Protein backbone atom coordinates (compact mmCIF):
# COMPACT_ATOMS: atom_id res chain seq x y z
CA MET A 1 -59.78 198.62 178.36
CA PHE A 2 -57.13 201.33 178.69
CA ASP A 3 -57.44 204.10 176.10
CA PRO A 4 -54.21 206.13 175.89
CA VAL A 5 -55.74 208.89 173.77
CA LYS A 6 -58.63 209.53 176.15
CA CYS A 7 -56.26 209.25 179.09
CA GLY A 8 -53.80 211.75 177.58
CA LYS A 9 -56.58 214.27 176.97
CA CYS A 10 -57.90 213.81 180.49
CA ILE A 11 -54.45 214.27 182.04
CA GLY A 12 -53.91 217.38 179.92
CA ASN A 13 -57.05 218.87 181.47
CA VAL A 14 -56.01 218.27 185.07
CA ALA A 15 -55.84 221.75 186.58
CA MET A 16 -54.00 221.32 189.83
CA ASP A 17 -51.05 222.79 191.63
CA ILE A 18 -49.05 220.81 194.17
CA GLN A 19 -47.01 223.26 196.20
CA GLY A 20 -46.08 225.27 193.11
CA HIS A 21 -45.58 222.25 190.82
CA ASP A 22 -47.65 221.14 187.83
CA PRO A 23 -48.28 217.40 188.31
CA ARG A 24 -49.30 216.56 184.73
CA SER A 25 -45.89 215.23 183.69
CA TRP A 26 -45.80 213.04 186.82
CA ILE A 27 -49.30 211.75 186.07
CA LYS A 28 -48.36 210.88 182.47
CA SER A 29 -45.17 209.21 183.60
CA ALA A 30 -46.98 207.18 186.26
CA MET A 31 -49.67 206.10 183.79
CA TRP A 32 -47.12 204.95 181.21
CA GLN A 33 -45.15 203.16 183.92
CA CYS A 34 -48.32 201.22 184.76
CA VAL A 35 -48.75 200.32 181.09
CA SER A 36 -45.14 199.17 180.72
CA ASP A 37 -45.42 197.15 183.95
CA GLY A 38 -48.63 195.55 182.69
CA LYS A 39 -50.42 196.60 185.89
CA ILE A 40 -53.07 199.14 184.96
CA THR A 41 -54.69 199.34 188.37
CA GLY A 42 -55.53 202.18 190.71
CA GLY A 43 -53.31 200.88 193.47
CA HIS A 44 -50.26 200.56 191.24
CA PHE A 45 -50.83 203.99 189.70
CA LYS A 46 -51.22 205.62 193.11
CA LYS A 47 -48.06 204.00 194.44
CA ILE A 48 -45.98 205.16 191.46
CA LEU A 49 -47.45 208.68 191.51
CA GLU A 50 -46.88 209.07 195.25
CA ARG A 51 -43.26 208.01 194.81
CA LYS A 52 -42.80 210.59 192.01
CA ILE A 53 -44.34 213.37 194.10
CA LYS A 54 -42.14 212.55 197.11
CA LYS A 55 -39.06 212.49 194.85
CA GLU A 56 -39.79 215.97 193.45
CA ILE A 57 -41.11 217.63 196.63
CA LYS A 58 -39.00 216.49 199.56
CA ASP A 59 -40.98 218.26 202.30
CA ILE A 60 -44.53 217.49 201.17
CA SER A 61 -46.83 216.89 204.12
CA ASP A 62 -49.66 214.78 202.69
CA PRO A 63 -48.87 213.25 199.28
CA GLU A 64 -51.62 210.64 199.68
CA LYS A 65 -54.26 213.39 199.63
CA TYR A 66 -52.97 214.72 196.31
CA VAL A 67 -52.71 211.24 194.81
CA THR A 68 -56.28 210.39 195.82
CA ASP A 69 -57.54 213.68 194.37
CA ILE A 70 -55.70 213.08 191.09
CA TRP A 71 -56.96 209.49 190.89
CA SER A 72 -60.55 210.65 191.34
CA LYS A 73 -60.10 212.98 188.33
CA VAL A 74 -58.56 210.43 185.95
CA SER A 75 -59.81 207.01 187.07
CA LYS A 76 -62.91 206.61 184.88
CA LYS A 77 -61.67 208.76 182.00
CA CYS A 78 -58.76 206.57 180.93
CA SER A 79 -60.82 203.61 179.76
CA GLY A 80 -62.46 203.21 176.41
């Protein structure tokens, strides 16, 4: 079961820099998009997050690597 409080705390603790950008707002936005779509799955989250990263950083070389790294940090911590 998705736990928004635990998930929010976990996302707040993500210490990562993507080419000079703090991804926490993208992560929160992607997570809430999954909730509003009713598709709280890893694949859906990754797809949304990758799209957000590509939108903000036009010349990013490997967004999938960042998305996979972020997913590994939040995947098990957002459930109650």
